[in-house]
């Protein structure tokens, strides 16, 4: 799959305990993104954060939280992000979704010629998307 130089980054912030259709919401969103043909999705678990209710969630030992922040990042074309947002809107009862314009520097699979030519090989397929924010 080729991506154009100009794209969008969809960043979704939710809680680790958020569920949809009896599964973690972040898992549901990633699977929905894959089924929708988006280029890729990454889930990041935060150490600390707060949202609309201003409750701090933290991973500190003395104050263990079972609802740490989760960030889901998806980079693709403007059109695909615009089509994807309505599909997940009703599933997110609490959280934030932000869209930023990005410049896509490259989008390569683990077996790309660029990596093979440099002697880099992978056991499992993976995808890297490097994007920079456009001011």
Protein backbone atom coordinates (compact mmCIF):
# COMPACT_ATOMS: atom_id res chain seq x y z
CA UNK A 1 0.00 0.00 0.00
CA UNK A 2 1.29 3.44 -0.90
CA UNK A 3 0.45 6.54 1.11
CA UNK A 4 0.60 10.06 -0.27
CA UNK A 5 3.01 12.59 1.18
CA UNK A 6 0.17 14.51 2.88
CA UNK A 7 -1.98 12.60 5.36
CA UNK A 8 -3.67 12.77 8.72
CA UNK A 9 -2.91 11.46 12.18
CA UNK A 10 -5.93 10.38 14.19
CA UNK A 11 -5.06 10.34 17.90
CA UNK A 12 -7.66 8.81 20.23
CA UNK A 13 -7.35 9.08 24.02
CA UNK A 14 -9.44 6.72 26.12
CA UNK A 15 -9.19 4.79 29.40
CA UNK A 16 -7.69 1.34 29.74
CA UNK A 17 -10.91 0.01 31.29
CA UNK A 18 -13.19 1.31 28.53
CA UNK A 19 -15.10 -1.50 26.82
CA UNK A 20 -17.21 -1.90 23.72
CA UNK A 21 -19.03 -5.07 22.66
CA UNK A 22 -17.55 -6.90 25.68
CA UNK A 23 -13.90 -6.28 24.73
CA UNK A 24 -11.38 -3.56 25.52
CA UNK A 25 -12.26 -0.49 23.46
CA UNK A 26 -8.70 -0.07 22.21
CA UNK A 27 -8.74 -3.62 20.80
CA UNK A 28 -12.10 -3.00 19.14
CA UNK A 29 -10.82 0.24 17.53
CA UNK A 30 -7.66 -1.44 16.19
CA UNK A 31 -9.66 -4.30 14.71
CA UNK A 32 -12.17 -1.85 13.20
CA UNK A 33 -9.27 0.14 11.68
CA UNK A 34 -7.80 -3.02 10.16
CA UNK A 35 -11.18 -4.13 8.81
CA UNK A 36 -11.62 -0.65 7.31
CA UNK A 37 -8.33 -0.96 5.41
CA UNK A 38 -6.43 1.74 7.29
CA UNK A 39 -2.63 1.71 6.95
CA UNK A 40 -1.93 0.82 10.58
CA UNK A 41 -2.73 1.55 14.21
CA UNK A 42 -0.60 1.75 17.35
CA UNK A 43 -1.80 1.55 20.95
CA UNK A 44 0.25 3.25 23.67
CA UNK A 45 -0.34 2.86 27.42
CA UNK A 46 0.21 6.03 29.42
CA UNK A 47 1.87 6.27 32.82
CA UNK A 48 -0.28 9.12 34.03
CA UNK A 49 -2.98 11.46 32.80
CA UNK A 50 -6.35 13.06 33.34
CA UNK A 51 -9.28 13.87 31.13
CA UNK A 52 -12.66 15.58 31.13
CA UNK A 53 -13.42 14.64 34.76
CA UNK A 54 -10.00 15.92 35.98
CA UNK A 55 -9.31 12.66 37.88
CA UNK A 56 -5.62 11.79 37.74
CA UNK A 57 -4.90 8.20 36.72
CA UNK A 58 -1.38 7.07 37.52
CA UNK A 59 0.82 3.98 37.50
CA UNK A 60 2.70 4.99 40.67
CA UNK A 61 3.24 2.10 43.06
CA UNK A 62 1.55 3.73 46.04
CA UNK A 63 -1.45 4.76 43.99
CA UNK A 64 -2.16 1.97 41.53
CA UNK A 65 -4.75 2.83 38.92
CA UNK A 66 -6.63 0.22 37.00
CA UNK A 67 -7.68 2.74 34.37
CA UNK A 68 -4.50 4.15 32.85
CA UNK A 69 -4.63 6.39 29.78
CA UNK A 70 -4.57 4.71 26.38
CA UNK A 71 -3.53 6.50 23.18
CA UNK A 72 -4.38 5.03 19.79
CA UNK A 73 -2.62 6.56 16.78
CA UNK A 74 -3.62 5.95 13.18
CA UNK A 75 -2.02 7.59 10.13
CA UNK A 76 -3.64 7.44 6.73
CA UNK A 77 -5.12 9.64 4.02
CA UNK A 78 -7.55 12.46 4.79
CA UNK A 79 -10.35 10.55 3.08
CA UNK A 80 -9.85 7.29 4.97
CA UNK A 81 -9.62 9.03 8.36
CA UNK A 82 -12.80 11.00 7.55
CA UNK A 83 -14.64 7.76 6.66
CA UNK A 84 -13.33 5.97 9.77
CA UNK A 85 -14.33 8.53 12.41
CA UNK A 86 -18.12 8.00 12.12
CA UNK A 87 -17.58 4.23 12.46
CA UNK A 88 -16.06 4.59 15.94
CA UNK A 89 -17.91 7.67 17.21
CA UNK A 90 -20.71 5.83 19.04
CA UNK A 91 -18.26 3.36 20.64
CA UNK A 92 -16.36 6.10 22.52
CA UNK A 93 -18.55 7.29 25.41
CA UNK A 94 -15.66 9.10 27.16
CA UNK A 95 -12.42 10.26 25.60
CA UNK A 96 -10.96 12.51 22.95
CA UNK A 97 -10.28 12.19 19.24
CA UNK A 98 -7.98 14.70 17.55
CA UNK A 99 -6.96 14.89 13.91
CA UNK A 100 -3.73 16.53 12.74
CA UNK A 101 -2.36 17.07 9.27
CA UNK A 102 0.96 15.28 8.87
CA UNK A 103 3.64 14.89 6.24
CA UNK A 104 4.30 11.20 5.68
CA UNK A 105 8.02 10.65 5.25
CA UNK A 106 7.78 6.93 4.50
CA UNK A 107 5.59 3.87 5.02
CA UNK A 108 7.44 0.57 4.80
CA UNK A 109 6.82 -3.03 5.63
CA UNK A 110 9.49 -5.14 7.32
CA UNK A 111 10.60 -6.74 4.06
CA UNK A 112 11.09 -3.55 2.09
CA UNK A 113 13.94 -3.32 -0.40
CA UNK A 114 15.28 -0.30 1.52
CA UNK A 115 15.81 -2.45 4.64
CA UNK A 116 17.04 -5.55 2.79
CA UNK A 117 19.65 -3.45 0.96
CA UNK A 118 21.00 -2.37 4.34
CA UNK A 119 21.17 -5.89 5.74
CA UNK A 120 18.17 -5.44 8.03
CA UNK A 121 15.78 -8.37 8.16
CA UNK A 122 12.79 -9.14 10.35
CA UNK A 123 11.35 -12.38 11.61
CA UNK A 124 7.80 -11.00 11.90
CA UNK A 125 6.16 -8.57 9.49
CA UNK A 126 5.86 -5.08 10.90
CA UNK A 127 4.97 -1.67 9.61
CA UNK A 128 6.64 1.64 10.34
CA UNK A 129 4.97 4.94 9.65
CA UNK A 130 7.10 8.02 10.21
CA UNK A 131 5.13 11.25 10.11
CA UNK A 132 5.95 14.80 10.99
CA UNK A 133 3.48 17.43 12.07
CA UNK A 134 2.60 20.16 9.61
CA UNK A 135 2.37 23.59 11.23
